[in-house]
Amino acid sequence: MFSRSNLLFLLCCLLAMTFALPASAADTASASATATATATASAPAAPAAPAADPAPFGTNLFQGHFSQSSSSKVIQSGDRLIMRLWGGRTMDDILTVDPEGMITIPDVGRVPVAGLPIDAKEPLEQAIKSKLNAAGVVDVEMYIRPMDTQPVSIFVTGFVPRPGNYTGTPSDTILAFLDKAGGIDSKRGSYRNIRVLRQGQEVGSFDLYPFALKGAMPHIRFQDGDTVVVGEKGPSVITSGEVRNTARFEFKPGELTGAKLIELADPQPRATHVSLSGSRGGAPYNLYLPMNDFKALRLENGDQIRFLADRPGDTIMVEAQGAIRGASRFPVRRNTRLHEVMSYIAVEPGRANLEGLYIKRKSVAVRQKKAIEDALRRLEQNAYTATSASSDEAQIRAKEAEMLSNFISRAKEVQPEGVVVVGTKGNIADLALEDGDVIVIPEKTDVVLISGEVMMPQAIVWNKDKDMDDYIKGAGGFSNRADESNLIVVHPSGEVVPRAKEVLPGDQVLVLPRVESKNLQAVKDISQVLYQVAVACKVILDL
């Protein structure tokens, strides 16, 4: 039977069995080609429709911001002012504020009035009197007020949360009166069919989408007794995915097309395909097609449209790290090879170890992470389903299960870097790069790192006259658990040399533990796994 320490080593080793040696350039290129072929051969499945029904487009307009009080309103371009003067000067006229915010008083000049409060007459009178005095007009009395401050009573009805009679001014926008009525009923009301009736006759019809999309404010000058009627919601579709506007879009009659939806939803540049889920003739209907084909498609009320990025771009991003200067990120065309990108990288002269160059690749890291998770699931299954022949053995297994649980919790935190070895004996393979690849150029160093089963793991200055035994002695010698015949040297490039006697600058020396057991097969298997872990992770796992 194994001792407790050997059992812990065994658990560690089983986890690490799924680690492969660092990926070679050839292996990685082959795996990438296979994945590309598979993706090309199989058509993507239409994604599931969004779970939640998004709010109607434009619903955020009505949050109480339009129904401001008259005291907060100011004079602006287009407003009309009634102005009467008597005494030193006589005048009775209606003046319009020009686009520059000025009114023009005949024979006196222009007076800036934009931005002055509508209901506070003193600032307005003071501005005009100052201009009159400057023109030599004195001893004058004045009456001036905005024409449009006379309140009007407007009925708001139809599909709104709070239909009723609301007070405002003739210059108030239709949005202000709708806001007072609670906006548009989100389930039944139309944002595109809003009418204004005057004595039973329609005097205006309004669509709020131009304002929501481009800020084009619908304009009408209200009269007392006007009625605002919000119509019933028209046909609508729901959008999601790679779009800037995720919402439920309402359509006018005759506009229910893919091209119109693209105009409203504003897909992201990376969107290439569309998934449609709906019904036709009472039966479920699903469609997946390129964006260009979608433009001509006729949509139906209730369709759910998801915009997708289902094609790799023509450009990938590659990053450089380590002993470099200047730019560290390089957008390059897809299928660009390593040697071409290396010509773009400015390295630190005298510091860069080009022979130690390697690549960190996301796809390799993902495969390594998945291997870890698969191994952990197998470990849990095997450990918790094992049977015990006696009560003593049951107690031992309970303690083993607790230790295993702690070990698995720590192992789940492992994040592989996905190292790809591209250099061997100074020769750098010219492999095709992938999006997100990180080219690492280590700095030259004269230090050798000794770790694993030695008395004092540490870094030692490299000396050409020293061999492996000298470096082990410099680290205090082997520990009592060391397998003295099982040493690994890892070069800066990630290349692994087992049982090497020669040590080079920047190398890492890993001393593996000795596995003690009467079961020769177990010794062989555990030793092999420990070797794989050391090569893949460049560490000796600590239980």
Protein backbone atom coordinates (compact mmCIF):
# COMPACT_ATOMS: atom_id res chain seq x y z
CA MET A 1 0.00 0.00 0.00
CA PHE A 2 1.21 3.52 -0.76
CA SER A 3 2.21 5.84 2.02
CA ARG A 4 0.20 9.05 2.49
CA SER A 5 2.80 11.16 0.70
CA ASN A 6 2.92 8.75 -2.22
CA LEU A 7 -0.86 8.85 -2.45
CA LEU A 8 -0.75 12.62 -2.75
CA PHE A 9 1.83 12.35 -5.51
CA LEU A 10 -0.40 9.87 -7.31
CA LEU A 11 -3.37 12.26 -7.25
CA CYS A 12 -1.20 15.05 -8.61
CA CYS A 13 0.11 12.82 -11.35
CA LEU A 14 -3.33 11.67 -12.47
CA LEU A 15 -4.33 15.29 -12.89
CA ALA A 16 -1.29 16.06 -14.99
CA MET A 17 -1.70 13.11 -17.38
CA THR A 18 -3.77 15.29 -19.65
CA PHE A 19 -0.97 17.83 -20.09
CA ALA A 20 0.86 17.34 -23.37
CA LEU A 21 4.39 18.45 -24.13
CA PRO A 22 4.52 22.12 -25.20
CA ALA A 23 3.00 22.30 -28.64
CA SER A 24 5.45 22.22 -31.51
CA ALA A 25 5.03 24.52 -34.48
CA ALA A 26 4.15 21.61 -36.74
CA ASP A 27 1.58 20.16 -34.33
CA THR A 28 -0.05 23.54 -33.82
CA ALA A 29 -0.24 24.27 -37.52
CA SER A 30 -1.79 20.85 -38.14
CA ALA A 31 -4.38 21.34 -35.42
CA SER A 32 -5.22 24.78 -36.76
CA ALA A 33 -5.69 23.44 -40.28
CA THR A 34 -7.93 20.64 -39.03
CA ALA A 35 -10.07 23.05 -37.04
CA THR A 36 -10.40 25.33 -40.08
CA ALA A 37 -11.46 22.48 -42.31
CA THR A 38 -14.05 21.33 -39.79
CA ALA A 39 -15.50 24.80 -39.41
CA THR A 40 -15.72 25.19 -43.20
CA ALA A 41 -17.39 21.85 -43.75
CA SER A 42 -20.15 22.30 -41.19
CA ALA A 43 -22.85 24.97 -41.44
CA PRO A 44 -23.38 26.89 -38.21
CA ALA A 45 -26.55 26.16 -36.34
CA ALA A 46 -29.03 28.96 -35.86
CA PRO A 47 -28.63 30.32 -32.32
CA ALA A 48 -31.53 30.27 -29.94
CA ALA A 49 -33.78 33.32 -29.87
CA PRO A 50 -33.23 35.86 -27.10
CA ALA A 51 -34.86 34.82 -23.85
CA ALA A 52 -36.07 38.26 -22.79
CA ASP A 53 -38.35 40.54 -24.80
CA PRO A 54 -36.46 43.86 -25.06
CA ALA A 55 -38.15 47.22 -24.62
CA PRO A 56 -39.56 49.08 -27.64
CA PHE A 57 -37.12 51.29 -29.46
CA GLY A 58 -37.58 54.85 -28.14
CA THR A 59 -38.93 53.92 -24.72
CA ASN A 60 -36.04 55.72 -23.01
CA LEU A 61 -37.31 59.04 -24.36
CA PHE A 62 -39.98 59.28 -21.69
CA GLN A 63 -38.35 59.60 -18.30
CA GLY A 64 -39.77 62.94 -17.20
CA HIS A 65 -37.16 65.11 -18.91
CA PHE A 66 -39.53 66.78 -21.41
CA SER A 67 -42.20 67.85 -18.95
CA GLN A 68 -40.17 70.68 -17.47
CA SER A 69 -41.89 73.55 -15.67
CA SER A 70 -42.27 76.86 -17.44
CA SER A 71 -39.97 78.51 -14.88
CA SER A 72 -37.08 76.47 -16.22
CA LYS A 73 -37.68 77.48 -19.85
CA VAL A 74 -35.62 80.12 -21.59
CA ILE A 75 -36.00 82.26 -24.68
CA GLN A 76 -34.58 80.63 -27.79
CA SER A 77 -34.36 81.13 -31.54
CA GLY A 78 -37.79 81.25 -33.19
CA ASP A 79 -39.62 82.59 -30.14
CA ARG A 80 -41.81 85.67 -30.65
CA LEU A 81 -41.95 88.61 -28.23
CA ILE A 82 -44.72 91.22 -27.89
CA MET A 83 -43.04 94.61 -27.32
CA ARG A 84 -44.77 97.92 -26.48
CA LEU A 85 -42.95 101.22 -25.76
CA TRP A 86 -44.40 104.59 -24.76
CA GLY A 87 -43.03 107.83 -23.38
CA GLY A 88 -39.72 108.84 -24.94
CA ARG A 89 -40.36 106.32 -27.74
CA THR A 90 -43.52 104.71 -29.08
CA MET A 91 -43.61 101.17 -30.47
CA ASP A 92 -46.09 98.26 -30.68
CA ASP A 93 -44.65 95.25 -32.51
CA ILE A 94 -44.00 91.50 -32.49
CA LEU A 95 -40.28 90.64 -32.64
CA THR A 96 -38.90 87.23 -33.58
CA VAL A 97 -35.68 85.89 -32.06
CA ASP A 98 -33.29 85.24 -34.96
CA PRO A 99 -30.98 82.18 -35.30
CA GLU A 100 -28.24 84.08 -33.47
CA GLY A 101 -30.50 84.64 -30.44
CA MET A 102 -31.09 88.35 -31.16
CA ILE A 103 -34.13 90.59 -31.60
CA THR A 104 -33.90 93.70 -33.77
CA ILE A 105 -35.50 96.95 -32.51
CA PRO A 106 -36.01 99.40 -35.40
CA ASP A 107 -33.68 102.41 -35.28
CA VAL A 108 -32.04 101.00 -32.13
CA GLY A 109 -30.24 97.80 -33.08
CA ARG A 110 -29.96 94.16 -32.09
CA VAL A 111 -30.36 92.91 -28.53
CA PRO A 112 -29.20 89.44 -27.35
CA VAL A 113 -32.08 87.70 -25.54
CA ALA A 114 -31.54 83.96 -26.08
CA GLY A 115 -31.08 82.10 -22.81
CA LEU A 116 -32.99 84.60 -20.68
CA PRO A 117 -35.77 83.10 -18.51
CA ILE A 118 -39.24 83.33 -20.03
CA ASP A 119 -41.09 84.04 -16.78
CA ALA A 120 -38.56 86.44 -15.22
CA LYS A 121 -39.24 89.81 -16.90
CA GLU A 122 -36.51 91.83 -15.17
CA PRO A 123 -33.49 90.36 -17.03
CA LEU A 124 -35.26 90.81 -20.39
CA GLU A 125 -36.38 94.40 -19.64
CA GLN A 126 -32.92 95.33 -18.34
CA ALA A 127 -31.23 94.03 -21.51
CA ILE A 128 -33.57 96.08 -23.73
CA LYS A 129 -33.38 99.26 -21.60
CA SER A 130 -29.59 99.16 -21.71
CA LYS A 131 -29.72 99.02 -25.50
CA LEU A 132 -32.29 101.84 -25.67
CA ASN A 133 -30.24 104.07 -23.36
CA ALA A 134 -27.12 103.41 -25.42
CA ALA A 135 -29.07 104.62 -28.48
CA GLY A 136 -30.17 107.77 -26.66
CA VAL A 137 -33.72 106.64 -25.94
CA VAL A 138 -34.58 107.61 -22.36
CA ASP A 139 -37.67 108.16 -20.23
CA VAL A 140 -39.42 105.23 -21.87
CA GLU A 141 -41.91 102.78 -20.39
CA MET A 142 -41.95 99.20 -21.56
CA TYR A 143 -44.16 96.12 -21.78
CA ILE A 144 -42.57 92.96 -23.16
CA ARG A 145 -43.44 89.29 -22.84
CA PRO A 146 -43.16 86.12 -24.92
CA MET A 147 -46.22 85.50 -27.08
CA ASP A 148 -46.34 81.79 -26.34
CA THR A 149 -46.59 81.85 -22.57
CA GLN A 150 -50.39 81.88 -22.58
CA PRO A 151 -51.25 78.40 -21.25
CA VAL A 152 -53.10 75.90 -23.42
CA SER A 153 -55.00 72.80 -22.39
CA ILE A 154 -54.21 69.68 -24.45
CA PHE A 155 -55.92 66.29 -24.33
CA VAL A 156 -53.60 63.26 -24.58
CA THR A 157 -55.34 59.97 -25.31
CA GLY A 158 -54.94 56.64 -27.07
CA PHE A 159 -52.35 54.08 -25.99
CA VAL A 160 -50.66 56.03 -23.19
CA PRO A 161 -50.34 55.04 -19.50
CA ARG A 162 -52.14 58.14 -18.15
CA PRO A 163 -54.56 59.66 -20.68
CA GLY A 164 -55.96 63.02 -19.64
CA ASN A 165 -56.00 66.80 -19.98
CA TYR A 166 -52.60 68.48 -19.57
CA THR A 167 -51.59 72.14 -19.45
CA GLY A 168 -48.63 73.58 -21.32
CA THR A 169 -47.67 76.37 -23.70
CA PRO A 170 -48.21 76.58 -27.47
CA SER A 171 -44.46 76.14 -28.04
CA ASP A 172 -44.19 72.95 -25.99
CA THR A 173 -43.18 69.91 -28.03
CA ILE A 174 -45.38 66.90 -28.57
CA LEU A 175 -42.80 64.94 -26.55
CA ALA A 176 -43.50 67.16 -23.53
CA PHE A 177 -47.22 66.39 -23.55
CA LEU A 178 -46.60 62.67 -24.12
CA ASP A 179 -44.13 62.70 -21.23
CA LYS A 180 -46.78 64.17 -18.94
CA ALA A 181 -49.08 61.29 -19.90
CA GLY A 182 -46.41 58.72 -18.99
CA GLY A 183 -44.98 58.26 -22.48
CA ILE A 184 -46.14 55.49 -24.83
CA ASP A 185 -47.74 52.27 -23.59
CA SER A 186 -44.79 49.88 -24.12
CA LYS A 187 -46.96 46.87 -24.99
CA ARG A 188 -49.71 48.43 -27.11
CA GLY A 189 -48.77 51.97 -28.14
CA SER A 190 -47.17 53.15 -31.37
CA TYR A 191 -44.07 55.31 -31.53
CA ARG A 192 -44.68 55.91 -35.22
CA ASN A 193 -48.38 56.74 -35.46
CA ILE A 194 -49.14 59.82 -33.34
CA ARG A 195 -51.75 62.34 -34.54
CA VAL A 196 -52.78 65.83 -33.44
CA LEU A 197 -56.46 66.71 -33.88
CA ARG A 198 -57.89 70.22 -33.87
CA GLN A 199 -61.66 70.55 -33.79
CA GLY A 200 -61.90 66.98 -35.05
CA GLN A 201 -59.55 67.50 -37.99
CA GLU A 202 -56.02 66.07 -38.20
CA VAL A 203 -53.44 68.87 -38.29
CA GLY A 204 -50.30 66.76 -37.82
CA SER A 205 -49.01 63.18 -37.88
CA PHE A 206 -45.76 62.30 -36.13
CA ASP A 207 -43.14 59.54 -36.10
CA LEU A 208 -40.75 59.58 -33.12
CA TYR A 209 -38.08 57.37 -34.74
CA PRO A 210 -36.35 60.26 -36.61
CA PHE A 211 -35.94 62.06 -33.28
CA ALA A 212 -34.67 58.92 -31.49
CA LEU A 213 -32.19 58.17 -34.30
CA LYS A 214 -31.11 61.60 -35.53
CA GLY A 215 -32.54 64.18 -33.12
CA ALA A 216 -35.07 65.56 -35.62
CA MET A 217 -37.67 67.12 -33.29
CA PRO A 218 -41.29 66.92 -34.52
CA HIS A 219 -42.68 70.47 -34.60
CA ILE A 220 -46.19 71.82 -34.15
CA ARG A 221 -47.58 74.95 -32.47
CA PHE A 222 -50.39 73.85 -30.20
CA GLN A 223 -53.70 75.61 -29.67
CA ASP A 224 -56.01 75.35 -26.71
CA GLY A 225 -58.21 72.25 -27.00
CA ASP A 226 -55.92 70.23 -29.32
CA THR A 227 -55.90 66.45 -28.89
CA VAL A 228 -52.85 64.16 -29.12
CA VAL A 229 -53.82 60.60 -30.10
CA VAL A 230 -51.33 57.71 -29.82
CA GLY A 231 -52.28 54.90 -32.20
CA GLU A 232 -51.97 51.16 -31.75
CA LYS A 233 -48.57 49.52 -32.15
CA GLY A 234 -47.80 48.37 -35.67
CA PRO A 235 -45.98 45.19 -36.76
CA SER A 236 -42.68 44.77 -34.90
CA VAL A 237 -39.59 42.57 -34.75
CA ILE A 238 -36.95 42.01 -32.06
CA THR A 239 -33.21 42.40 -32.64
CA SER A 240 -30.21 41.10 -30.70
CA GLY A 241 -26.58 40.11 -31.19
CA GLU A 242 -24.04 42.21 -33.06
CA VAL A 243 -26.11 45.42 -33.23
CA ARG A 244 -25.81 48.83 -31.65
CA ASN A 245 -29.58 49.05 -31.06
CA THR A 246 -31.02 46.00 -29.31
CA ALA A 247 -34.77 46.62 -29.12
CA ARG A 248 -38.23 45.85 -30.45
CA PHE A 249 -38.64 47.85 -33.66
CA GLU A 250 -42.01 48.96 -34.99
CA PHE A 251 -42.59 49.25 -38.73
CA LYS A 252 -44.83 51.38 -40.86
CA PRO A 253 -46.98 49.64 -43.50
CA GLY A 254 -44.88 48.48 -46.45
CA GLU A 255 -41.53 48.89 -44.65
CA LEU A 256 -41.21 45.45 -43.04
CA THR A 257 -37.98 44.41 -44.81
CA GLY A 258 -34.51 43.32 -43.80
CA ALA A 259 -32.98 46.44 -45.35
CA LYS A 260 -35.16 48.73 -43.23
CA LEU A 261 -34.34 46.78 -40.07
CA ILE A 262 -30.62 47.09 -40.79
CA GLU A 263 -31.09 50.85 -41.09
CA LEU A 264 -32.82 51.00 -37.70
CA ALA A 265 -30.82 48.42 -35.72
CA ASP A 266 -27.40 49.58 -37.00
CA PRO A 267 -25.44 46.27 -36.99
CA GLN A 268 -21.81 46.21 -35.91
CA PRO A 269 -19.25 46.15 -38.77
CA ARG A 270 -18.28 42.59 -37.83
CA ALA A 271 -21.83 41.26 -38.33
CA THR A 272 -21.95 39.00 -41.39
CA HIS A 273 -24.99 36.72 -40.99
CA VAL A 274 -28.55 36.82 -39.66
CA SER A 275 -30.55 34.21 -37.79
CA LEU A 276 -34.34 34.56 -38.02
CA SER A 277 -36.86 32.82 -35.76
CA GLY A 278 -40.58 33.29 -36.26
CA SER A 279 -43.66 31.66 -37.71
CA ARG A 280 -45.16 31.41 -41.18
CA GLY A 281 -48.63 30.03 -41.73
CA GLY A 282 -48.91 29.01 -38.08
CA ALA A 283 -45.78 26.82 -38.22
CA PRO A 284 -42.35 27.56 -36.72
CA TYR A 285 -39.99 29.18 -39.19
CA ASN A 286 -36.18 29.48 -38.90
CA LEU A 287 -33.72 30.90 -41.36
CA TYR A 288 -29.97 31.53 -41.43
CA LEU A 289 -28.52 33.62 -44.22
CA PRO A 290 -25.80 36.17 -45.10
CA MET A 291 -26.44 39.83 -44.39
CA ASN A 292 -26.68 40.81 -48.07
CA ASP A 293 -29.41 38.22 -48.70
CA PHE A 294 -31.26 39.34 -45.58
CA LYS A 295 -31.71 42.86 -46.97
CA ALA A 296 -34.25 41.68 -49.54
CA LEU A 297 -36.13 39.45 -47.09
CA ARG A 298 -39.73 40.24 -46.19
CA LEU A 299 -40.23 40.11 -42.42
CA GLU A 300 -43.32 39.30 -40.41
CA ASN A 301 -44.74 40.63 -37.16
CA GLY A 302 -43.12 38.88 -34.17
CA ASP A 303 -39.92 37.81 -35.95
CA GLN A 304 -36.80 37.62 -33.78
CA ILE A 305 -33.61 38.59 -35.58
CA ARG A 306 -30.11 37.90 -34.30
CA PHE A 307 -27.13 39.46 -36.07
CA LEU A 308 -23.99 37.31 -35.99
CA ALA A 309 -20.29 37.62 -36.74
CA ASP A 310 -19.81 34.31 -38.52
CA ARG A 311 -16.76 34.94 -40.66
CA PRO A 312 -13.19 35.61 -39.61
CA GLY A 313 -11.90 39.02 -40.53
CA ASP A 314 -9.11 39.61 -42.99
CA THR A 315 -6.91 41.10 -40.26
CA ILE A 316 -5.56 39.54 -37.08
CA MET A 317 -3.80 41.15 -34.12
CA VAL A 318 -0.40 39.88 -32.98
CA GLU A 319 1.41 41.10 -29.87
CA ALA A 320 5.10 41.15 -28.95
CA GLN A 321 6.49 40.98 -25.40
CA GLY A 322 9.88 40.84 -23.75
CA ALA A 323 13.07 42.55 -24.86
CA ILE A 324 11.47 44.87 -27.42
CA ARG A 325 11.17 48.58 -27.97
CA GLY A 326 8.65 50.54 -29.99
CA ALA A 327 5.37 49.05 -31.14
CA SER A 328 4.11 45.93 -29.37
CA ARG A 329 0.84 45.28 -31.26
CA PHE A 330 0.72 44.54 -34.97
CA PRO A 331 -2.42 44.24 -37.11
CA VAL A 332 -1.48 41.89 -39.96
CA ARG A 333 -3.37 40.02 -42.66
CA ARG A 334 -4.65 36.56 -41.85
CA ASN A 335 -2.18 33.71 -42.51
CA THR A 336 0.82 36.01 -42.03
CA ARG A 337 3.82 33.96 -40.94
CA LEU A 338 6.16 34.47 -38.02
CA HIS A 339 9.25 35.55 -39.95
CA GLU A 340 7.37 38.43 -41.60
CA VAL A 341 6.13 39.80 -38.27
CA MET A 342 9.60 39.43 -36.74
CA SER A 343 10.82 41.94 -39.31
CA TYR A 344 8.39 44.50 -37.83
CA ILE A 345 9.54 44.05 -34.22
CA ALA A 346 12.24 46.37 -32.91
CA VAL A 347 14.23 44.41 -30.33
CA GLU A 348 16.55 45.69 -27.61
CA PRO A 349 20.09 45.43 -29.01
CA GLY A 350 22.29 43.24 -26.87
CA ARG A 351 19.41 42.21 -24.58
CA ALA A 352 17.10 40.18 -26.80
CA ASN A 353 17.54 36.41 -26.82
CA LEU A 354 16.17 35.68 -30.28
CA GLU A 355 17.11 32.01 -30.04
CA GLY A 356 14.78 31.76 -27.04
CA LEU A 357 11.76 33.13 -28.90
CA TYR A 358 8.46 31.33 -28.31
CA ILE A 359 4.73 31.96 -28.82
CA LYS A 360 1.83 32.04 -26.38
CA ARG A 361 -1.31 30.91 -28.20
CA LYS A 362 -4.88 31.13 -26.95
CA SER A 363 -6.10 28.01 -28.75
CA VAL A 364 -3.35 25.92 -27.14
CA ALA A 365 -4.17 27.35 -23.70
CA VAL A 366 -7.84 26.48 -24.19
CA ARG A 367 -7.00 22.87 -25.05
CA GLN A 368 -4.72 22.58 -22.03
CA LYS A 369 -7.38 24.07 -19.75
CA LYS A 370 -9.99 21.65 -21.06
CA ALA A 371 -7.59 18.77 -20.46
CA ILE A 372 -7.20 19.87 -16.84
CA GLU A 373 -10.96 20.05 -16.34
CA ASP A 374 -11.46 16.60 -17.89
CA ALA A 375 -8.77 15.16 -15.63
CA LEU A 376 -10.36 16.71 -12.55
CA ARG A 377 -13.72 15.20 -13.40
CA ARG A 378 -12.14 11.76 -13.77
CA LEU A 379 -10.28 12.17 -10.49
CA GLU A 380 -13.45 13.05 -8.63
CA GLN A 381 -15.36 10.18 -10.18
CA ASN A 382 -12.68 7.57 -9.42
CA ALA A 383 -12.03 8.82 -5.89
CA TYR A 384 -15.62 9.08 -4.73
CA THR A 385 -16.78 5.78 -6.21
CA ALA A 386 -13.99 3.66 -4.70
CA THR A 387 -15.16 1.00 -2.21
CA SER A 388 -13.62 0.11 1.15
CA ALA A 389 -13.07 -3.42 2.48
CA SER A 390 -12.97 -2.43 6.16
CA SER A 391 -13.79 0.42 8.55
CA ASP A 392 -10.10 1.31 8.83
CA GLU A 393 -9.83 1.52 5.07
CA ALA A 394 -13.01 3.62 4.98
CA GLN A 395 -11.43 6.15 7.37
CA ILE A 396 -8.33 6.30 5.19
CA ARG A 397 -10.43 6.89 2.09
CA ALA A 398 -12.38 9.65 3.84
CA LYS A 399 -9.14 11.48 4.60
CA GLU A 400 -7.98 10.87 1.03
CA ALA A 401 -11.24 12.34 -0.29
CA GLU A 402 -10.76 15.48 1.80
CA MET A 403 -7.20 15.93 0.55
CA LEU A 404 -8.38 15.29 -2.99
CA SER A 405 -11.10 17.93 -2.68
CA ASN A 406 -8.56 20.54 -1.55
CA PHE A 407 -6.22 19.57 -4.35
CA ILE A 408 -8.95 19.81 -6.99
CA SER A 409 -9.95 23.26 -5.74
CA ARG A 410 -6.39 24.48 -6.23
CA ALA A 411 -6.00 22.73 -9.56
CA LYS A 412 -9.08 24.45 -10.96
CA GLU A 413 -7.25 27.76 -10.64
CA VAL A 414 -4.51 26.69 -13.07
CA GLN A 415 -4.36 28.92 -16.16
CA PRO A 416 -2.06 27.49 -18.87
CA GLU A 417 -0.20 29.95 -21.09
CA GLY A 418 -0.39 27.81 -24.21
CA VAL A 419 3.34 27.95 -25.01
CA VAL A 420 4.30 26.93 -28.56
CA VAL A 421 7.97 26.00 -29.04
CA VAL A 422 9.14 27.47 -32.35
CA GLY A 423 12.93 27.41 -31.92
CA THR A 424 15.30 24.45 -31.79
CA LYS A 425 19.07 24.91 -31.77
CA GLY A 426 18.71 28.48 -32.99
CA ASN A 427 16.36 27.68 -35.89
CA ILE A 428 13.02 29.54 -35.71
CA ALA A 429 10.13 27.81 -37.48
CA ASP A 430 8.16 30.05 -39.85
CA LEU A 431 4.66 29.04 -38.74
CA ALA A 432 1.40 30.78 -39.62
CA LEU A 433 0.18 33.07 -36.85
CA GLU A 434 -3.26 33.15 -35.24
CA ASP A 435 -5.27 36.06 -33.95
CA GLY A 436 -4.16 36.91 -30.42
CA ASP A 437 -0.74 35.23 -30.66
CA VAL A 438 1.88 36.71 -28.34
CA ILE A 439 5.47 36.53 -29.58
CA VAL A 440 7.76 36.42 -26.55
CA ILE A 441 11.41 37.41 -26.95
CA PRO A 442 13.14 36.68 -23.62
CA GLU A 443 15.94 38.83 -22.32
CA LYS A 444 19.40 37.36 -22.24
CA THR A 445 20.40 36.24 -18.77
CA ASP A 446 23.40 34.58 -17.16
CA VAL A 447 21.26 32.98 -14.46
CA VAL A 448 20.33 29.31 -14.12
CA LEU A 449 17.23 28.47 -12.06
CA ILE A 450 17.34 25.28 -9.97
CA SER A 451 13.99 24.06 -8.60
CA GLY A 452 12.15 20.93 -7.59
CA GLU A 453 13.59 18.35 -5.19
CA VAL A 454 16.69 20.22 -4.06
CA MET A 455 17.49 21.50 -0.59
CA MET A 456 17.50 25.21 -1.52
CA PRO A 457 15.81 26.07 -4.84
CA GLN A 458 17.49 29.19 -6.17
CA ALA A 459 19.02 31.07 -9.11
CA ILE A 460 22.75 30.59 -9.74
CA VAL A 461 25.01 32.60 -12.03
CA TRP A 462 25.97 30.54 -15.09
CA ASN A 463 29.59 29.46 -15.43
CA LYS A 464 30.90 27.68 -18.51
CA ASP A 465 33.13 25.52 -16.34
CA LYS A 466 30.21 24.16 -14.28
CA ASP A 467 28.24 21.06 -15.12
CA MET A 468 24.92 19.77 -13.82
CA ASP A 469 26.41 18.35 -10.64
CA ASP A 470 27.91 21.72 -9.77
CA TYR A 471 24.56 23.50 -10.07
CA ILE A 472 22.82 20.86 -7.95
CA LYS A 473 25.48 21.27 -5.27
CA GLY A 474 25.01 25.05 -5.48
CA ALA A 475 21.35 24.50 -4.57
CA GLY A 476 22.28 22.51 -1.48
CA GLY A 477 22.19 19.11 -3.15
CA PHE A 478 19.29 16.75 -3.69
CA SER A 479 16.49 16.47 -1.14
CA ASN A 480 15.74 13.08 0.38
CA ARG A 481 12.78 12.73 -2.01
CA ALA A 482 14.71 13.46 -5.21
CA ASP A 483 15.02 11.07 -8.14
CA GLU A 484 18.67 11.82 -8.85
CA SER A 485 18.53 10.16 -12.25
CA ASN A 486 15.51 12.10 -13.45
CA LEU A 487 16.52 15.69 -14.21
CA ILE A 488 15.04 17.99 -16.83
CA VAL A 489 16.58 21.07 -18.44
CA VAL A 490 14.16 23.57 -19.96
CA HIS A 491 15.71 26.12 -22.32
CA PRO A 492 14.31 29.70 -22.53
CA SER A 493 12.57 28.72 -25.79
CA GLY A 494 10.60 25.99 -24.02
CA GLU A 495 12.68 23.21 -25.55
CA VAL A 496 13.13 20.34 -23.09
CA VAL A 497 16.26 18.21 -22.77
CA PRO A 498 15.96 15.25 -20.34
CA ARG A 499 18.94 14.16 -18.27
CA ALA A 500 21.13 16.84 -19.83
CA LYS A 501 24.62 17.31 -18.49
CA GLU A 502 25.26 20.64 -20.22
CA VAL A 503 23.54 23.69 -18.76
CA LEU A 504 23.24 26.94 -20.75
CA PRO A 505 22.53 30.53 -19.64
CA GLY A 506 18.83 31.09 -18.88
CA ASP A 507 18.08 27.38 -18.43
CA GLN A 508 15.76 26.01 -15.78
CA VAL A 509 16.74 22.75 -14.08
CA LEU A 510 13.87 20.69 -12.67
CA VAL A 511 14.56 17.83 -10.26
CA LEU A 512 11.69 15.33 -10.17
CA PRO A 513 10.65 13.45 -7.02
CA ARG A 514 11.33 9.77 -6.48
CA VAL A 515 8.29 7.51 -6.48
CA GLU A 516 8.45 4.69 -3.96
CA SER A 517 6.21 1.66 -4.36
CA LYS A 518 6.36 -2.12 -4.57
CA ASN A 519 4.17 -1.89 -7.65
CA LEU A 520 6.64 -1.54 -10.52
CA GLN A 521 3.93 -0.57 -13.02
CA ALA A 522 2.74 2.21 -10.71
CA VAL A 523 6.29 3.52 -10.37
CA LYS A 524 6.62 3.61 -14.14
CA ASP A 525 3.28 5.34 -14.73
CA ILE A 526 3.73 7.92 -11.99
CA SER A 527 7.27 8.74 -13.10
CA GLN A 528 6.05 9.28 -16.65
CA VAL A 529 3.26 11.60 -15.51
CA LEU A 530 5.59 13.61 -13.28
CA TYR A 531 7.82 14.08 -16.30
CA GLN A 532 4.90 15.28 -18.42
CA VAL A 533 3.81 17.75 -15.75
CA ALA A 534 7.31 19.18 -15.41
CA VAL A 535 7.64 19.63 -19.16
CA ALA A 536 4.18 21.14 -19.65
CA CYS A 537 4.21 23.46 -16.62
CA LYS A 538 7.93 23.92 -15.99
CA VAL A 539 7.25 23.29 -12.30
CA ILE A 540 7.25 20.43 -9.85
CA LEU A 541 3.74 20.21 -8.46
CA ASP A 542 3.49 20.61 -4.71
CA LEU A 543 0.80 18.68 -2.90
